[in-house]
């Protein structure tokens, strides 16, 4: 198996509360659903893996590149889709997508038109984020992550707020590309897990991760 994402001895605590201690795992291409109770640290773990926040101990490898020691090489293979929009309110959907491509150093994204159509965003490309619904904003976040050339795509609650048609299309993308990319997402959506045939990993409040 080609390892695309690996964590070695991750440790993190806040205000004396241990979230993770010595957490280690490795994933190759596929679809992995991170599940667990609220407060178990799913979003925190994803933010560590995405490089948004550094772990207090341990290291993270993305396609064998150390996220701390070789961040540029690691981030080139990593896409992050947060639960909430990170776009500027004054930007249009099209401007946001073009900005993401520039920041990633991509000249173009061949998958972009199909993703925009599949998630039903054609009519919203020239609309400003301040005028969009939360679901539409979320879809643009998804397109930005999926259109990248990254082999590791991390998503926090990707089906929150999107309609059934968009959700079905997203699951189709997961199934179609699972042999070459890793999709790791947090969720409480059992239907999405079933539709994507995801491997389920449960994160408990003790900071342990176990296969379901």
N, C-alpha and C. Protein backbone atom coordinates (compact mmCIF):
# COMPACT_ATOMS: atom_id res chain seq x y z
N UNK A 1 0.84 -1.20 0.00
CA UNK A 1 0.00 0.00 0.00
C UNK A 1 0.87 1.25 0.00
N UNK A 2 0.55 2.20 -0.86
CA UNK A 2 1.22 3.49 -0.86
C UNK A 2 0.66 4.35 0.27
N UNK A 3 1.51 4.76 1.18
CA UNK A 3 1.06 5.59 2.30
C UNK A 3 0.99 7.05 1.87
N UNK A 4 -0.19 7.65 2.00
CA UNK A 4 -0.37 9.05 1.62
C UNK A 4 -0.39 9.97 2.83
N UNK A 5 -0.86 9.48 3.96
CA UNK A 5 -0.94 10.31 5.17
C UNK A 5 -0.54 9.46 6.37
N UNK A 6 0.42 9.98 7.13
CA UNK A 6 0.91 9.24 8.29
C UNK A 6 1.10 10.18 9.47
N UNK A 7 0.65 9.74 10.63
CA UNK A 7 0.86 10.48 11.88
C UNK A 7 1.66 9.60 12.82
N UNK A 8 2.64 10.20 13.46
CA UNK A 8 3.50 9.46 14.38
C UNK A 8 3.52 10.16 15.73
N UNK A 9 2.93 9.54 16.73
CA UNK A 9 3.00 10.02 18.10
C UNK A 9 2.43 11.40 18.34
N UNK A 10 1.29 11.71 17.71
CA UNK A 10 0.70 13.04 17.88
C UNK A 10 0.23 13.25 19.31
N UNK A 11 0.54 14.43 19.84
CA UNK A 11 0.08 14.80 21.17
C UNK A 11 -0.45 16.22 21.18
N UNK A 12 -1.56 16.43 21.89
CA UNK A 12 -2.17 17.76 21.96
C UNK A 12 -3.01 17.85 23.22
N UNK A 13 -2.89 18.97 23.93
CA UNK A 13 -3.75 19.20 25.08
C UNK A 13 -4.08 20.68 25.19
N UNK A 14 -5.26 20.96 25.76
CA UNK A 14 -5.72 22.33 25.99
C UNK A 14 -6.14 22.45 27.44
N UNK A 15 -5.65 23.49 28.10
CA UNK A 15 -6.04 23.79 29.49
C UNK A 15 -5.95 22.56 30.38
N UNK A 16 -4.90 21.79 30.17
CA UNK A 16 -4.69 20.62 31.01
C UNK A 16 -5.45 19.38 30.58
N UNK A 17 -6.33 19.52 29.58
CA UNK A 17 -7.10 18.37 29.10
C UNK A 17 -6.39 17.75 27.90
N UNK A 18 -6.06 16.47 28.01
CA UNK A 18 -5.37 15.76 26.94
C UNK A 18 -6.37 15.37 25.85
N UNK A 19 -6.12 15.83 24.62
CA UNK A 19 -6.94 15.44 23.48
C UNK A 19 -6.36 14.21 22.79
N UNK A 20 -5.05 14.23 22.57
CA UNK A 20 -4.36 13.10 21.96
C UNK A 20 -3.04 12.90 22.68
N UNK A 21 -2.64 11.64 22.77
CA UNK A 21 -1.33 11.34 23.32
C UNK A 21 -0.80 10.10 22.61
N UNK A 22 0.30 10.28 21.88
CA UNK A 22 0.89 9.15 21.18
C UNK A 22 0.02 8.58 20.08
N UNK A 23 -0.77 9.44 19.41
CA UNK A 23 -1.68 8.96 18.37
C UNK A 23 -0.91 8.72 17.07
N UNK A 24 -0.99 7.50 16.56
CA UNK A 24 -0.28 7.14 15.33
C UNK A 24 -1.21 6.37 14.39
N UNK A 25 -1.09 6.63 13.10
CA UNK A 25 -1.87 5.91 12.10
C UNK A 25 -1.28 6.19 10.73
N UNK A 26 -1.69 5.40 9.75
CA UNK A 26 -1.25 5.60 8.37
C UNK A 26 -2.39 5.19 7.43
N UNK A 27 -2.61 5.98 6.40
CA UNK A 27 -3.65 5.69 5.41
C UNK A 27 -3.07 5.82 4.01
N UNK A 28 -3.50 4.91 3.14
CA UNK A 28 -3.20 5.01 1.73
C UNK A 28 -4.41 5.56 1.00
N UNK A 29 -4.48 5.39 -0.32
CA UNK A 29 -5.64 5.87 -1.07
C UNK A 29 -6.92 5.22 -0.56
N UNK A 30 -8.01 5.97 -0.59
CA UNK A 30 -9.29 5.43 -0.14
C UNK A 30 -10.17 6.52 0.44
N UNK A 31 -11.24 6.09 1.10
CA UNK A 31 -12.19 7.00 1.74
C UNK A 31 -12.29 6.61 3.20
N UNK A 32 -11.99 7.54 4.08
CA UNK A 32 -11.99 7.28 5.52
C UNK A 32 -12.89 8.29 6.21
N UNK A 33 -13.85 7.79 6.99
CA UNK A 33 -14.75 8.65 7.76
C UNK A 33 -14.32 8.66 9.22
N UNK A 34 -14.07 9.84 9.74
CA UNK A 34 -13.68 10.01 11.14
C UNK A 34 -14.94 10.33 11.94
N UNK A 35 -15.30 9.44 12.85
CA UNK A 35 -16.53 9.60 13.61
C UNK A 35 -16.23 9.61 15.11
N UNK A 36 -17.21 10.01 15.89
CA UNK A 36 -17.04 10.08 17.33
C UNK A 36 -17.98 11.11 17.92
N UNK A 37 -18.09 11.12 19.23
CA UNK A 37 -18.98 12.06 19.90
C UNK A 37 -18.49 13.49 19.73
N UNK A 38 -19.41 14.44 19.88
CA UNK A 38 -19.01 15.84 19.92
C UNK A 38 -18.01 16.05 21.05
N UNK A 39 -16.96 16.80 20.76
CA UNK A 39 -15.96 17.06 21.78
C UNK A 39 -14.84 16.04 21.82
N UNK A 40 -14.91 15.03 20.94
CA UNK A 40 -13.85 14.02 20.92
C UNK A 40 -12.57 14.53 20.28
N UNK A 41 -12.67 15.64 19.52
CA UNK A 41 -11.47 16.22 18.93
C UNK A 41 -11.31 15.97 17.44
N UNK A 42 -12.40 15.61 16.76
CA UNK A 42 -12.30 15.32 15.32
C UNK A 42 -11.82 16.53 14.53
N UNK A 43 -12.45 17.68 14.76
CA UNK A 43 -12.07 18.89 14.02
C UNK A 43 -10.66 19.33 14.39
N UNK A 44 -10.30 19.17 15.66
CA UNK A 44 -8.94 19.53 16.08
C UNK A 44 -7.91 18.65 15.39
N UNK A 45 -8.19 17.35 15.32
CA UNK A 45 -7.27 16.44 14.66
C UNK A 45 -7.11 16.80 13.19
N UNK A 46 -8.21 17.08 12.51
CA UNK A 46 -8.12 17.46 11.10
C UNK A 46 -7.33 18.75 10.92
N UNK A 47 -7.49 19.70 11.83
CA UNK A 47 -6.73 20.95 11.71
C UNK A 47 -5.24 20.71 11.89
N UNK A 48 -4.87 19.74 12.72
CA UNK A 48 -3.46 19.38 12.87
C UNK A 48 -2.94 18.75 11.59
N UNK A 49 -3.72 17.81 11.05
CA UNK A 49 -3.30 17.12 9.82
C UNK A 49 -3.21 18.07 8.64
N UNK A 50 -4.05 19.11 8.65
CA UNK A 50 -4.04 20.10 7.56
C UNK A 50 -2.95 21.14 7.73
N UNK A 51 -2.28 21.15 8.88
CA UNK A 51 -1.24 22.14 9.12
C UNK A 51 -1.76 23.48 9.58
N UNK A 52 -3.05 23.56 9.92
CA UNK A 52 -3.61 24.81 10.43
C UNK A 52 -3.03 25.11 11.81
N UNK A 53 -2.93 24.08 12.63
CA UNK A 53 -2.31 24.18 13.95
C UNK A 53 -1.26 23.09 14.06
N UNK A 54 -0.12 23.37 14.69
CA UNK A 54 0.90 22.34 14.83
C UNK A 54 0.63 21.45 16.04
N UNK A 55 0.95 20.16 15.96
CA UNK A 55 0.84 19.31 17.14
C UNK A 55 1.91 19.68 18.16
N UNK A 56 1.63 19.44 19.42
CA UNK A 56 2.62 19.73 20.45
C UNK A 56 3.72 18.68 20.47
N UNK A 57 3.37 17.46 20.10
CA UNK A 57 4.37 16.40 19.95
C UNK A 57 4.02 15.58 18.71
N UNK A 58 5.01 14.89 18.19
CA UNK A 58 4.80 14.01 17.05
C UNK A 58 5.02 14.71 15.72
N UNK A 59 4.82 13.96 14.65
CA UNK A 59 4.99 14.52 13.31
C UNK A 59 3.96 13.96 12.35
N UNK A 60 3.78 14.68 11.24
CA UNK A 60 2.79 14.34 10.23
C UNK A 60 3.49 14.29 8.88
N UNK A 61 3.27 13.21 8.15
CA UNK A 61 3.86 13.04 6.82
C UNK A 61 2.75 13.00 5.78
N UNK A 62 2.89 13.80 4.75
CA UNK A 62 1.94 13.82 3.64
C UNK A 62 2.69 13.38 2.39
N UNK A 63 2.31 12.22 1.85
CA UNK A 63 3.03 11.65 0.70
C UNK A 63 4.53 11.60 1.00
N UNK A 64 4.85 11.20 2.22
CA UNK A 64 6.21 11.01 2.73
C UNK A 64 6.97 12.31 3.02
N UNK A 65 6.33 13.45 2.84
CA UNK A 65 6.96 14.73 3.15
C UNK A 65 6.51 15.20 4.53
N UNK A 66 7.47 15.61 5.36
CA UNK A 66 7.16 16.05 6.71
C UNK A 66 6.49 17.43 6.66
N UNK A 67 5.30 17.52 7.26
CA UNK A 67 4.52 18.75 7.19
C UNK A 67 5.23 19.91 7.88
N UNK A 68 6.08 19.62 8.86
CA UNK A 68 6.81 20.67 9.57
C UNK A 68 8.17 20.94 8.92
N UNK A 69 8.91 19.88 8.59
CA UNK A 69 10.26 20.05 8.07
C UNK A 69 10.28 20.40 6.58
N UNK A 70 9.29 19.94 5.83
CA UNK A 70 9.22 20.22 4.39
C UNK A 70 7.81 20.66 4.03
N UNK A 71 7.36 21.80 4.58
CA UNK A 71 5.96 22.20 4.42
C UNK A 71 5.52 22.43 2.99
N UNK A 72 6.38 23.00 2.15
CA UNK A 72 5.96 23.28 0.78
C UNK A 72 5.68 21.99 0.02
N UNK A 73 6.56 21.01 0.18
CA UNK A 73 6.37 19.73 -0.52
C UNK A 73 5.15 18.99 0.01
N UNK A 74 4.96 19.04 1.33
CA UNK A 74 3.81 18.36 1.93
C UNK A 74 2.50 19.02 1.52
N UNK A 75 2.45 20.35 1.59
CA UNK A 75 1.20 21.06 1.29
C UNK A 75 0.81 20.97 -0.18
N UNK A 76 1.77 20.71 -1.05
CA UNK A 76 1.45 20.54 -2.47
C UNK A 76 0.56 19.33 -2.70
N UNK A 77 0.62 18.37 -1.76
CA UNK A 77 -0.18 17.15 -1.89
C UNK A 77 -1.37 17.14 -0.93
N UNK A 78 -1.69 18.30 -0.36
CA UNK A 78 -2.70 18.37 0.70
C UNK A 78 -3.74 19.45 0.39
N UNK A 79 -5.01 19.09 0.50
CA UNK A 79 -6.10 20.06 0.37
C UNK A 79 -6.95 19.98 1.63
N UNK A 80 -7.44 21.14 2.07
CA UNK A 80 -8.19 21.24 3.33
C UNK A 80 -9.51 21.94 3.08
N UNK A 81 -10.61 21.28 3.45
CA UNK A 81 -11.95 21.85 3.31
C UNK A 81 -12.54 22.01 4.71
N UNK A 82 -12.50 23.21 5.27
CA UNK A 82 -13.04 23.42 6.62
C UNK A 82 -14.57 23.40 6.61
N UNK A 83 -15.15 23.33 7.80
CA UNK A 83 -16.61 23.29 7.90
C UNK A 83 -17.23 24.63 7.55
N UNK A 84 -16.50 25.72 7.75
CA UNK A 84 -17.03 27.05 7.49
C UNK A 84 -16.24 27.74 6.38
N UNK A 85 -16.88 28.66 5.69
CA UNK A 85 -16.26 29.37 4.59
C UNK A 85 -15.06 30.19 5.05
N UNK A 86 -14.00 30.17 4.24
CA UNK A 86 -12.82 30.99 4.52
C UNK A 86 -12.66 32.08 3.46
N UNK A 87 -13.68 32.25 2.61
CA UNK A 87 -13.60 33.25 1.54
C UNK A 87 -13.92 34.64 2.07
N UNK A 88 -13.36 35.65 1.42
CA UNK A 88 -13.73 37.03 1.73
C UNK A 88 -15.16 37.27 1.27
N UNK A 89 -15.93 37.99 2.07
CA UNK A 89 -17.34 38.21 1.77
C UNK A 89 -17.56 38.93 0.44
N UNK A 90 -16.62 39.81 0.06
CA UNK A 90 -16.80 40.59 -1.17
C UNK A 90 -16.44 39.81 -2.43
N UNK A 91 -15.87 38.63 -2.29
CA UNK A 91 -15.44 37.86 -3.46
C UNK A 91 -16.62 37.13 -4.08
N UNK A 92 -16.56 36.98 -5.40
CA UNK A 92 -17.53 36.12 -6.08
C UNK A 92 -17.03 34.68 -6.01
N UNK A 93 -17.90 33.75 -6.33
CA UNK A 93 -17.49 32.35 -6.34
C UNK A 93 -16.36 32.09 -7.31
N UNK A 94 -16.47 32.67 -8.50
CA UNK A 94 -15.43 32.50 -9.52
C UNK A 94 -14.10 33.09 -9.05
N UNK A 95 -14.14 34.27 -8.44
CA UNK A 95 -12.91 34.90 -7.94
C UNK A 95 -12.27 34.05 -6.86
N UNK A 96 -13.08 33.47 -6.00
CA UNK A 96 -12.53 32.62 -4.94
C UNK A 96 -11.83 31.41 -5.52
N UNK A 97 -12.45 30.74 -6.47
CA UNK A 97 -11.84 29.55 -7.06
C UNK A 97 -10.55 29.89 -7.78
N UNK A 98 -10.52 31.01 -8.50
CA UNK A 98 -9.30 31.43 -9.19
C UNK A 98 -8.20 31.79 -8.20
N UNK A 99 -8.58 32.40 -7.07
CA UNK A 99 -7.60 32.73 -6.04
C UNK A 99 -6.97 31.47 -5.46
N UNK A 100 -7.78 30.46 -5.20
CA UNK A 100 -7.27 29.21 -4.64
C UNK A 100 -6.28 28.56 -5.60
N UNK A 101 -6.58 28.57 -6.89
CA UNK A 101 -5.66 28.00 -7.87
C UNK A 101 -4.33 28.74 -7.86
N UNK A 102 -4.38 30.06 -7.80
CA UNK A 102 -3.15 30.86 -7.78
C UNK A 102 -2.33 30.54 -6.53
N UNK A 103 -2.99 30.46 -5.39
CA UNK A 103 -2.29 30.18 -4.14
C UNK A 103 -1.66 28.79 -4.15
N UNK A 104 -2.28 27.87 -4.85
CA UNK A 104 -1.74 26.51 -4.94
C UNK A 104 -0.70 26.39 -6.06
N UNK A 105 -0.54 27.42 -6.86
CA UNK A 105 0.41 27.36 -7.95
C UNK A 105 -0.06 26.52 -9.13
N UNK A 106 -1.39 26.35 -9.26
CA UNK A 106 -1.95 25.60 -10.38
C UNK A 106 -2.34 26.56 -11.50
N UNK A 107 -1.91 26.26 -12.71
CA UNK A 107 -2.29 27.10 -13.85
C UNK A 107 -3.74 26.88 -14.24
N UNK A 108 -4.17 25.65 -14.13
CA UNK A 108 -5.57 25.36 -14.42
C UNK A 108 -5.99 24.14 -13.59
N UNK A 109 -7.26 23.81 -13.68
CA UNK A 109 -7.80 22.66 -12.96
C UNK A 109 -8.80 21.98 -13.89
N UNK A 110 -8.37 20.94 -14.60
CA UNK A 110 -9.25 20.30 -15.58
C UNK A 110 -10.57 19.81 -14.99
N UNK A 111 -10.57 19.46 -13.71
CA UNK A 111 -11.78 18.92 -13.09
C UNK A 111 -12.77 20.01 -12.69
N UNK A 112 -12.35 21.28 -12.74
CA UNK A 112 -13.17 22.36 -12.20
C UNK A 112 -14.55 22.48 -12.84
N UNK A 113 -14.67 22.52 -14.18
CA UNK A 113 -16.00 22.68 -14.78
C UNK A 113 -16.99 21.59 -14.36
N UNK A 114 -16.52 20.34 -14.33
CA UNK A 114 -17.41 19.23 -13.96
C UNK A 114 -17.83 19.33 -12.50
N UNK A 115 -16.93 19.77 -11.64
CA UNK A 115 -17.26 19.93 -10.22
C UNK A 115 -18.28 21.04 -10.01
N UNK A 116 -18.08 22.15 -10.71
CA UNK A 116 -19.03 23.27 -10.61
C UNK A 116 -20.42 22.82 -11.06
N UNK A 117 -20.47 22.09 -12.17
CA UNK A 117 -21.75 21.61 -12.68
C UNK A 117 -22.35 20.56 -11.75
N UNK A 118 -21.52 19.62 -11.30
CA UNK A 118 -22.01 18.53 -10.47
C UNK A 118 -22.58 18.99 -9.14
N UNK A 119 -22.03 20.07 -8.60
CA UNK A 119 -22.52 20.61 -7.33
C UNK A 119 -23.53 21.74 -7.52
N UNK A 120 -23.91 21.97 -8.79
CA UNK A 120 -24.97 22.93 -9.07
C UNK A 120 -24.61 24.38 -8.80
N UNK A 121 -23.39 24.78 -9.17
CA UNK A 121 -22.91 26.12 -8.83
C UNK A 121 -22.84 27.08 -10.02
N UNK A 122 -23.26 26.64 -11.21
CA UNK A 122 -23.11 27.52 -12.38
C UNK A 122 -23.77 28.87 -12.17
N UNK A 123 -24.94 28.88 -11.56
CA UNK A 123 -25.69 30.13 -11.39
C UNK A 123 -25.14 31.01 -10.27
N UNK A 124 -24.16 30.49 -9.54
CA UNK A 124 -23.64 31.23 -8.39
C UNK A 124 -22.21 31.72 -8.58
N UNK A 125 -21.61 31.45 -9.74
CA UNK A 125 -20.20 31.80 -9.95
C UNK A 125 -19.93 33.29 -9.80
N UNK A 126 -20.88 34.13 -10.20
CA UNK A 126 -20.64 35.58 -10.15
C UNK A 126 -21.36 36.25 -8.98
N UNK A 127 -21.85 35.43 -8.08
CA UNK A 127 -22.50 35.94 -6.87
C UNK A 127 -21.46 36.12 -5.77
N UNK A 128 -21.57 37.18 -4.99
CA UNK A 128 -20.65 37.40 -3.88
C UNK A 128 -20.98 36.46 -2.72
N UNK A 129 -19.95 36.12 -1.96
CA UNK A 129 -20.15 35.22 -0.83
C UNK A 129 -21.13 35.80 0.19
N UNK A 130 -21.15 37.10 0.34
CA UNK A 130 -22.06 37.71 1.31
C UNK A 130 -23.52 37.50 0.94
N UNK A 131 -23.79 37.17 -0.32
CA UNK A 131 -25.16 36.94 -0.78
C UNK A 131 -25.50 35.46 -0.92
N UNK A 132 -24.56 34.59 -0.57
CA UNK A 132 -24.78 33.15 -0.72
C UNK A 132 -25.35 32.53 0.55
N UNK A 133 -26.09 31.43 0.37
CA UNK A 133 -26.52 30.63 1.51
C UNK A 133 -25.32 29.87 2.06
N UNK A 134 -25.45 29.36 3.27
CA UNK A 134 -24.36 28.58 3.88
C UNK A 134 -24.05 27.34 3.05
N UNK A 135 -25.10 26.72 2.49
CA UNK A 135 -24.88 25.53 1.68
C UNK A 135 -24.10 25.83 0.41
N UNK A 136 -24.41 26.95 -0.23
CA UNK A 136 -23.68 27.34 -1.45
C UNK A 136 -22.23 27.65 -1.12
N UNK A 137 -22.00 28.34 -0.03
CA UNK A 137 -20.62 28.61 0.39
C UNK A 137 -19.86 27.30 0.58
N UNK A 138 -20.52 26.35 1.24
CA UNK A 138 -19.87 25.07 1.50
C UNK A 138 -19.51 24.36 0.20
N UNK A 139 -20.39 24.45 -0.78
CA UNK A 139 -20.10 23.80 -2.06
C UNK A 139 -18.86 24.40 -2.72
N UNK A 140 -18.69 25.72 -2.64
CA UNK A 140 -17.49 26.33 -3.21
C UNK A 140 -16.23 25.87 -2.47
N UNK A 141 -16.33 25.67 -1.16
CA UNK A 141 -15.19 25.14 -0.41
C UNK A 141 -14.84 23.73 -0.92
N UNK A 142 -15.88 22.93 -1.16
CA UNK A 142 -15.67 21.57 -1.65
C UNK A 142 -15.03 21.57 -3.03
N UNK A 143 -15.53 22.43 -3.93
CA UNK A 143 -14.95 22.51 -5.27
C UNK A 143 -13.48 22.89 -5.19
N UNK A 144 -13.15 23.86 -4.36
CA UNK A 144 -11.76 24.31 -4.24
C UNK A 144 -10.84 23.18 -3.80
N UNK A 145 -11.30 22.36 -2.87
CA UNK A 145 -10.48 21.24 -2.41
C UNK A 145 -10.39 20.12 -3.43
N UNK A 146 -11.51 19.77 -4.03
CA UNK A 146 -11.54 18.65 -4.96
C UNK A 146 -10.87 18.97 -6.29
N UNK A 147 -10.87 20.24 -6.70
CA UNK A 147 -10.26 20.62 -7.98
C UNK A 147 -8.75 20.69 -7.90
N UNK A 148 -8.21 20.63 -6.71
CA UNK A 148 -6.76 20.68 -6.55
C UNK A 148 -6.13 19.39 -7.07
N UNK A 149 -4.83 19.41 -7.22
CA UNK A 149 -4.10 18.22 -7.63
C UNK A 149 -3.62 17.42 -6.43
N UNK A 150 -4.06 17.81 -5.24
CA UNK A 150 -3.63 17.15 -4.01
C UNK A 150 -4.09 15.70 -3.96
N UNK A 151 -3.24 14.84 -3.44
CA UNK A 151 -3.60 13.43 -3.30
C UNK A 151 -4.27 13.16 -1.96
N UNK A 152 -4.15 14.09 -1.01
CA UNK A 152 -4.79 13.95 0.30
C UNK A 152 -5.78 15.10 0.46
N UNK A 153 -7.05 14.78 0.62
CA UNK A 153 -8.09 15.79 0.79
C UNK A 153 -8.75 15.59 2.15
N UNK A 154 -8.60 16.58 3.02
CA UNK A 154 -9.16 16.54 4.37
C UNK A 154 -10.40 17.42 4.41
N UNK A 155 -11.49 16.92 5.01
CA UNK A 155 -12.75 17.66 5.02
C UNK A 155 -13.40 17.55 6.39
N UNK A 156 -13.87 18.69 6.88
CA UNK A 156 -14.58 18.73 8.16
C UNK A 156 -16.08 18.83 7.88
N UNK A 157 -16.81 17.75 8.18
CA UNK A 157 -18.27 17.70 7.97
C UNK A 157 -18.67 18.15 6.56
N UNK A 158 -18.20 17.46 5.52
CA UNK A 158 -18.42 17.95 4.15
C UNK A 158 -19.87 17.94 3.69
N UNK A 159 -20.73 17.14 4.30
CA UNK A 159 -22.12 17.10 3.85
C UNK A 159 -23.03 18.04 4.62
N UNK A 160 -22.50 18.74 5.61
CA UNK A 160 -23.31 19.69 6.38
C UNK A 160 -23.84 20.80 5.47
N UNK A 161 -25.14 20.98 5.44
CA UNK A 161 -25.73 22.13 4.76
C UNK A 161 -25.90 22.01 3.26
N UNK A 162 -25.48 20.90 2.65
CA UNK A 162 -25.63 20.79 1.20
C UNK A 162 -26.85 19.92 0.88
N UNK A 163 -27.41 20.12 -0.31
CA UNK A 163 -28.63 19.42 -0.69
C UNK A 163 -28.33 17.98 -1.10
N UNK A 164 -29.39 17.19 -1.25
CA UNK A 164 -29.25 15.76 -1.53
C UNK A 164 -28.53 15.50 -2.85
N UNK A 165 -28.82 16.31 -3.87
CA UNK A 165 -28.16 16.12 -5.16
C UNK A 165 -26.67 16.36 -5.09
N UNK A 166 -26.27 17.42 -4.38
CA UNK A 166 -24.85 17.72 -4.22
C UNK A 166 -24.15 16.64 -3.40
N UNK A 167 -24.84 16.15 -2.39
CA UNK A 167 -24.28 15.09 -1.56
C UNK A 167 -24.05 13.82 -2.38
N UNK A 168 -25.02 13.46 -3.20
CA UNK A 168 -24.88 12.27 -4.05
C UNK A 168 -23.71 12.43 -5.01
N UNK A 169 -23.54 13.63 -5.57
CA UNK A 169 -22.43 13.87 -6.48
C UNK A 169 -21.09 13.78 -5.75
N UNK A 170 -21.03 14.33 -4.54
CA UNK A 170 -19.80 14.27 -3.75
C UNK A 170 -19.42 12.82 -3.47
N UNK A 171 -20.40 11.99 -3.11
CA UNK A 171 -20.12 10.58 -2.86
C UNK A 171 -19.63 9.88 -4.12
N UNK A 172 -20.17 10.30 -5.27
CA UNK A 172 -19.72 9.75 -6.55
C UNK A 172 -18.25 10.09 -6.80
N UNK A 173 -17.85 11.32 -6.49
CA UNK A 173 -16.45 11.72 -6.64
C UNK A 173 -15.56 10.87 -5.73
N UNK A 174 -15.98 10.67 -4.50
CA UNK A 174 -15.21 9.83 -3.58
C UNK A 174 -15.00 8.43 -4.18
N UNK A 175 -16.07 7.83 -4.65
CA UNK A 175 -15.98 6.47 -5.17
C UNK A 175 -15.11 6.41 -6.43
N UNK A 176 -15.23 7.41 -7.28
CA UNK A 176 -14.51 7.42 -8.55
C UNK A 176 -13.01 7.60 -8.37
N UNK A 177 -12.61 8.39 -7.36
CA UNK A 177 -11.20 8.74 -7.22
C UNK A 177 -10.51 8.07 -6.04
N UNK A 178 -11.19 7.15 -5.40
CA UNK A 178 -10.64 6.55 -4.18
C UNK A 178 -9.39 5.71 -4.41
N UNK A 179 -9.15 5.25 -5.63
CA UNK A 179 -7.98 4.42 -5.89
C UNK A 179 -6.70 5.23 -6.02
N UNK A 180 -6.81 6.55 -6.19
CA UNK A 180 -5.60 7.36 -6.36
C UNK A 180 -5.45 8.46 -5.31
N UNK A 181 -6.53 8.74 -4.56
CA UNK A 181 -6.49 9.81 -3.57
C UNK A 181 -7.01 9.31 -2.23
N UNK A 182 -6.65 10.03 -1.19
CA UNK A 182 -7.21 9.76 0.14
C UNK A 182 -8.18 10.88 0.49
N UNK A 183 -9.41 10.51 0.78
CA UNK A 183 -10.42 11.44 1.28
C UNK A 183 -10.66 11.09 2.75
N UNK A 184 -10.24 11.96 3.64
CA UNK A 184 -10.44 11.76 5.08
C UNK A 184 -11.37 12.85 5.57
N UNK A 185 -12.54 12.46 6.10
CA UNK A 185 -13.51 13.48 6.50
C UNK A 185 -14.17 13.13 7.83
N UNK A 186 -14.44 14.16 8.61
CA UNK A 186 -15.21 13.98 9.84
C UNK A 186 -16.68 14.05 9.49
N UNK A 187 -17.49 13.30 10.23
CA UNK A 187 -18.92 13.31 9.93
C UNK A 187 -19.73 12.67 11.04
N UNK A 188 -21.01 13.06 11.09
CA UNK A 188 -22.01 12.36 11.89
C UNK A 188 -23.06 11.74 10.96
N UNK A 189 -22.79 11.80 9.66
CA UNK A 189 -23.75 11.42 8.63
C UNK A 189 -23.53 9.95 8.22
N UNK A 190 -24.29 9.06 8.84
CA UNK A 190 -24.15 7.64 8.53
C UNK A 190 -24.51 7.31 7.10
N UNK A 191 -25.42 8.06 6.51
CA UNK A 191 -25.81 7.84 5.12
C UNK A 191 -24.65 8.13 4.18
N UNK A 192 -23.90 9.19 4.46
CA UNK A 192 -22.73 9.52 3.64
C UNK A 192 -21.67 8.43 3.75
N UNK A 193 -21.50 7.90 4.94
CA UNK A 193 -20.54 6.81 5.14
C UNK A 193 -20.93 5.60 4.29
N UNK A 194 -22.23 5.26 4.31
CA UNK A 194 -22.70 4.11 3.55
C UNK A 194 -22.58 4.35 2.05
N UNK A 195 -22.97 5.54 1.59
CA UNK A 195 -22.93 5.84 0.15
C UNK A 195 -21.51 5.83 -0.39
N UNK A 196 -20.56 6.27 0.41
CA UNK A 196 -19.17 6.34 -0.06
C UNK A 196 -18.39 5.07 0.23
N UNK A 197 -19.03 4.13 0.93
CA UNK A 197 -18.36 2.89 1.33
C UNK A 197 -17.05 3.19 2.06
N UNK A 198 -17.13 4.15 2.99
CA UNK A 198 -15.93 4.62 3.69
C UNK A 198 -15.50 3.65 4.79
N UNK A 199 -14.21 3.60 5.00
CA UNK A 199 -13.67 2.95 6.20
C UNK A 199 -13.95 3.87 7.38
N UNK A 200 -14.51 3.35 8.45
CA UNK A 200 -14.88 4.17 9.60
C UNK A 200 -13.83 4.04 10.69
N UNK A 201 -13.34 5.20 11.15
CA UNK A 201 -12.44 5.26 12.29
C UNK A 201 -13.12 6.07 13.39
N UNK A 202 -13.23 5.50 14.56
CA UNK A 202 -13.87 6.18 15.69
C UNK A 202 -12.82 6.83 16.58
N UNK A 203 -13.03 8.10 16.89
CA UNK A 203 -12.14 8.82 17.80
C UNK A 203 -12.90 9.00 19.11
N UNK A 204 -12.31 8.51 20.21
CA UNK A 204 -13.01 8.63 21.49
C UNK A 204 -12.45 9.78 22.31
N UNK A 205 -13.09 10.04 23.44
CA UNK A 205 -12.70 11.18 24.26
C UNK A 205 -11.35 10.99 24.95
N UNK A 206 -10.85 9.77 24.91
CA UNK A 206 -9.52 9.51 25.47
C UNK A 206 -8.43 9.76 24.44
N UNK A 207 -8.84 10.16 23.22
CA UNK A 207 -7.86 10.47 22.18
C UNK A 207 -7.36 9.26 21.43
N UNK A 208 -8.09 8.15 21.53
CA UNK A 208 -7.70 6.93 20.81
C UNK A 208 -8.53 6.79 19.55
N UNK A 209 -7.91 6.29 18.49
CA UNK A 209 -8.60 6.07 17.23
C UNK A 209 -8.64 4.58 16.95
N UNK A 210 -9.85 4.08 16.67
CA UNK A 210 -10.02 2.65 16.43
C UNK A 210 -10.92 2.44 15.22
N UNK A 211 -10.64 1.37 14.47
CA UNK A 211 -11.50 1.01 13.35
C UNK A 211 -12.83 0.52 13.87
N UNK A 212 -13.91 0.92 13.20
CA UNK A 212 -15.25 0.48 13.62
C UNK A 212 -15.48 -0.96 13.22
